[in-house]
Amino acid sequence: NYLQYSDLAEEDLARGLERFPNSCELHAFAGFMATERGENKVALDYMRQALSRATDDKDISRMWGYIGDIYHEQGNNRAAFKAYERALEQNPNNSSVLNNYAYFSAIAGGDLDRAEEMARRATAITKGNSTFIDTLAWVLHLKGEDKEAKTLMRQALSLDGQKDVDLLTHYGDILWSLGETFMAETYWQKAVEMGYDPQLMQQHINELKNK
């Protein structure tokens, strides 16, 4: 699968599931492959099968987290957030779930204080993760705390090597909120150069300028 030999990967996976029908990991991997094909309903079924085969609290938490991610991809945040709650009941220190729950709930207009708490826990548990730091910075930005958000985004960009277009865009937005318009446009342009759709970027910039 890593080498993008999808047909061979599917064959190996089918053989694996036949020989090890009670494997949590194989069912979860089948779910991941289904999401890559855009088959979220199939992926959800595989993840539920993986969940039924999980015995360790941390594995159960991971499976609930994956289920939450799939629900989010389907646009069902209510179900996603319930799944994340189940995940955290099993393992309160699941940093991936804490991060995703914090980010998705924040951008959906949820409780920003709770989102901040979860994001801070995620960055404390898993140090040096640029995505998690970006989440915390973005939650702070939504709360109007742009100075701290800027400091955190600089850390995230340094760790990432300025390769992630979403991080570059977020940093540009935070700079814009601080009145650093020239630098904001510089980072937005860099995001476009790194692959961000230029039309979507222009639409995004226009929306910010019209606020």
Protein backbone atom coordinates (compact mmCIF):
# COMPACT_ATOMS: atom_id res chain seq x y z
CA ASN A 1 0.00 0.00 0.00
CA TYR A 2 2.85 2.38 0.84
CA LEU A 3 4.37 1.70 -2.59
CA GLN A 4 0.93 2.33 -4.14
CA TYR A 5 0.55 -1.22 -5.43
CA SER A 6 -3.13 -1.11 -4.53
CA ASP A 7 -4.15 -4.36 -6.25
CA LEU A 8 -1.44 -6.35 -4.48
CA ALA A 9 -2.28 -4.66 -1.19
CA GLU A 10 -5.93 -5.64 -1.56
CA GLU A 11 -4.94 -9.24 -2.30
CA ASP A 12 -2.64 -9.42 0.71
CA LEU A 13 -5.28 -7.83 2.93
CA ALA A 14 -7.93 -10.33 1.81
CA ARG A 15 -5.56 -13.22 2.57
CA GLY A 16 -4.72 -11.68 5.92
CA LEU A 17 -8.35 -11.27 6.92
CA GLU A 18 -9.06 -14.86 5.87
CA ARG A 19 -6.20 -16.25 7.95
CA PHE A 20 -6.60 -13.87 10.91
CA PRO A 21 -10.33 -13.04 11.08
CA ASN A 22 -10.06 -11.75 14.66
CA SER A 23 -7.29 -9.25 13.96
CA CYS A 24 -8.20 -5.75 15.08
CA GLU A 25 -5.31 -4.20 13.14
CA LEU A 26 -6.13 -5.90 9.84
CA HIS A 27 -9.74 -4.76 9.99
CA ALA A 28 -8.60 -1.24 10.84
CA PHE A 29 -6.19 -1.26 7.91
CA ALA A 30 -9.01 -2.42 5.64
CA GLY A 31 -10.91 0.60 6.90
CA PHE A 32 -8.03 2.92 6.05
CA MET A 33 -7.81 1.50 2.53
CA ALA A 34 -11.54 2.01 2.08
CA THR A 35 -11.20 5.68 3.09
CA GLU A 36 -8.44 6.07 0.49
CA ARG A 37 -10.93 4.84 -2.10
CA GLY A 38 -13.52 7.31 -0.80
CA GLU A 39 -15.74 4.50 0.49
CA ASN A 40 -16.54 5.91 3.91
CA LYS A 41 -19.51 3.63 4.59
CA VAL A 42 -17.36 0.57 3.92
CA ALA A 43 -14.59 2.06 6.04
CA LEU A 44 -16.99 2.62 8.92
CA ASP A 45 -18.11 -1.00 8.78
CA TYR A 46 -14.50 -2.22 8.90
CA MET A 47 -13.67 0.08 11.80
CA ARG A 48 -16.66 -1.20 13.76
CA GLN A 49 -15.46 -4.74 13.10
CA ALA A 50 -12.01 -3.70 14.31
CA LEU A 51 -13.59 -2.17 17.43
CA SER A 52 -15.43 -5.41 18.21
CA ARG A 53 -12.08 -7.24 18.11
CA ALA A 54 -10.15 -4.75 20.24
CA THR A 55 -9.43 -5.84 23.80
CA ASP A 56 -6.98 -3.24 25.14
CA ASP A 57 -8.36 0.13 26.33
CA LYS A 58 -5.89 2.03 24.15
CA ASP A 59 -6.87 0.00 21.07
CA ILE A 60 -10.56 0.55 21.79
CA SER A 61 -9.83 4.28 22.11
CA ARG A 62 -7.95 4.30 18.78
CA MET A 63 -10.82 2.56 16.99
CA TRP A 64 -13.39 5.00 18.38
CA GLY A 65 -11.08 7.80 17.26
CA TYR A 66 -10.92 6.39 13.73
CA ILE A 67 -14.71 6.02 13.70
CA GLY A 68 -15.01 9.66 14.75
CA ASP A 69 -12.71 10.73 11.93
CA ILE A 70 -14.82 8.88 9.37
CA TYR A 71 -18.03 10.41 10.69
CA HIS A 72 -16.40 13.83 10.38
CA GLU A 73 -15.47 13.08 6.76
CA GLN A 74 -19.13 12.25 6.17
CA GLY A 75 -20.12 15.63 7.60
CA ASN A 76 -21.74 14.12 10.68
CA ASN A 77 -20.06 16.07 13.48
CA ARG A 78 -22.63 15.03 16.06
CA ALA A 79 -21.75 11.36 15.61
CA ALA A 80 -18.05 12.21 15.30
CA PHE A 81 -17.98 14.04 18.62
CA LYS A 82 -19.85 11.22 20.36
CA ALA A 83 -17.24 8.79 19.04
CA TYR A 84 -14.43 11.04 20.29
CA GLU A 85 -16.07 11.13 23.73
CA ARG A 86 -16.13 7.31 23.75
CA ALA A 87 -12.49 7.28 22.73
CA LEU A 88 -11.48 9.58 25.57
CA GLU A 89 -13.46 7.52 28.07
CA GLN A 90 -11.20 4.59 27.22
CA ASN A 91 -7.99 6.61 27.06
CA PRO A 92 -8.05 10.24 28.22
CA ASN A 93 -4.50 10.66 26.89
CA ASN A 94 -5.21 9.76 23.27
CA SER A 95 -3.47 12.80 21.81
CA SER A 96 -4.74 12.28 18.26
CA VAL A 97 -8.33 12.24 19.43
CA LEU A 98 -7.74 15.25 21.68
CA ASN A 99 -6.27 17.14 18.72
CA ASN A 100 -8.96 16.22 16.19
CA TYR A 101 -11.80 16.79 18.66
CA ALA A 102 -10.35 20.19 19.60
CA TYR A 103 -9.89 21.34 16.01
CA PHE A 104 -13.14 20.06 14.54
CA SER A 105 -15.26 21.31 17.43
CA ALA A 106 -13.56 24.73 17.36
CA ILE A 107 -14.15 25.32 13.65
CA ALA A 108 -17.73 24.08 14.06
CA GLY A 109 -18.39 26.84 16.60
CA GLY A 110 -18.11 24.68 19.72
CA ASP A 111 -16.81 25.48 23.20
CA LEU A 112 -13.46 27.19 22.55
CA ASP A 113 -12.34 26.95 26.16
CA ARG A 114 -12.75 23.19 26.12
CA ALA A 115 -11.12 23.01 22.69
CA GLU A 116 -8.14 24.92 24.06
CA GLU A 117 -7.90 22.58 27.04
CA MET A 118 -7.90 19.51 24.78
CA ALA A 119 -5.39 21.05 22.36
CA ARG A 120 -3.02 21.95 25.20
CA ARG A 121 -3.23 18.41 26.55
CA ALA A 122 -2.48 16.99 23.10
CA THR A 123 0.64 19.16 22.69
CA ALA A 124 1.78 18.29 26.21
CA ILE A 125 1.38 14.54 25.65
CA THR A 126 2.92 14.49 22.16
CA LYS A 127 5.62 17.14 22.06
CA GLY A 128 7.00 18.56 18.84
CA ASN A 129 4.01 17.68 16.65
CA SER A 130 3.48 20.54 14.20
CA THR A 131 -0.14 19.59 13.49
CA PHE A 132 -1.07 19.57 17.18
CA ILE A 133 0.66 22.91 17.75
CA ASP A 134 -1.21 24.33 14.75
CA THR A 135 -4.50 23.21 16.28
CA LEU A 136 -3.73 24.97 19.55
CA ALA A 137 -2.67 28.10 17.68
CA TRP A 138 -5.84 28.10 15.60
CA VAL A 139 -8.08 27.68 18.64
CA LEU A 140 -6.31 30.62 20.29
CA HIS A 141 -6.76 32.63 17.07
CA LEU A 142 -10.50 31.93 17.16
CA LYS A 143 -10.51 33.17 20.75
CA GLY A 144 -8.78 36.40 19.66
CA GLU A 145 -5.48 35.52 21.36
CA ASP A 146 -3.39 36.13 18.26
CA LYS A 147 -0.07 37.02 19.88
CA GLU A 148 0.29 33.60 21.50
CA ALA A 149 -1.15 32.01 18.37
CA LYS A 150 1.57 33.67 16.29
CA THR A 151 4.34 32.36 18.57
CA LEU A 152 2.95 28.84 18.39
CA MET A 153 2.53 28.96 14.62
CA ARG A 154 6.17 29.96 14.23
CA GLN A 155 7.06 26.80 16.18
CA ALA A 156 4.76 24.68 14.02
CA LEU A 157 6.19 26.07 10.78
CA SER A 158 9.74 25.50 12.02
CA LEU A 159 8.99 21.88 12.89
CA ASP A 160 7.16 21.31 9.59
CA GLY A 161 9.79 23.02 7.45
CA GLN A 162 7.06 25.26 5.95
CA LYS A 163 5.77 22.43 3.76
CA ASP A 164 2.15 22.20 4.91
CA VAL A 165 -0.10 24.61 3.01
CA ASP A 166 -2.70 24.63 5.78
CA LEU A 167 -0.12 25.75 8.33
CA LEU A 168 1.09 28.47 5.98
CA THR A 169 -2.48 29.66 5.42
CA HIS A 170 -3.26 29.66 9.13
CA TYR A 171 -0.13 31.68 9.84
CA GLY A 172 -1.12 34.18 7.16
CA ASP A 173 -4.58 34.54 8.71
CA ILE A 174 -3.12 35.12 12.17
CA LEU A 175 -0.70 37.74 10.81
CA TRP A 176 -3.60 39.45 9.05
CA SER A 177 -5.53 39.63 12.32
CA LEU A 178 -2.49 41.26 13.93
CA GLY A 179 -2.37 43.89 11.19
CA GLU A 180 0.78 42.45 9.57
CA THR A 181 -0.83 42.49 6.14
CA PHE A 182 2.30 42.36 3.99
CA MET A 183 3.66 39.27 5.74
CA ALA A 184 0.21 37.70 5.72
CA GLU A 185 0.03 37.98 1.94
CA THR A 186 3.59 36.66 1.69
CA TYR A 187 2.62 33.44 3.50
CA TRP A 188 -0.62 33.09 1.56
CA GLN A 189 1.38 33.35 -1.66
CA LYS A 190 3.82 30.75 -0.38
CA ALA A 191 0.89 28.42 0.34
CA VAL A 192 -0.23 28.83 -3.29
CA GLU A 193 3.30 28.11 -4.50
CA MET A 194 3.28 24.93 -2.38
CA GLY A 195 0.06 23.71 -3.97
CA TYR A 196 -2.89 25.55 -2.41
CA ASP A 197 -5.57 26.23 -5.04
CA PRO A 198 -5.07 29.87 -6.13
CA GLN A 199 -8.78 30.51 -6.74
CA LEU A 200 -9.73 29.19 -3.31
CA MET A 201 -6.97 31.27 -1.78
CA GLN A 202 -8.20 34.44 -3.49
CA GLN A 203 -11.73 33.71 -2.31
CA HIS A 204 -10.40 33.18 1.21
CA ILE A 205 -8.46 36.46 1.13
CA ASN A 206 -11.47 38.37 -0.19
CA GLU A 207 -13.61 37.02 2.62
CA LEU A 208 -11.06 38.17 5.20
CA LYS A 209 -10.74 41.62 3.63
CA ASN A 210 -14.51 42.06 3.60
CA LYS A 211 -14.93 41.29 7.29
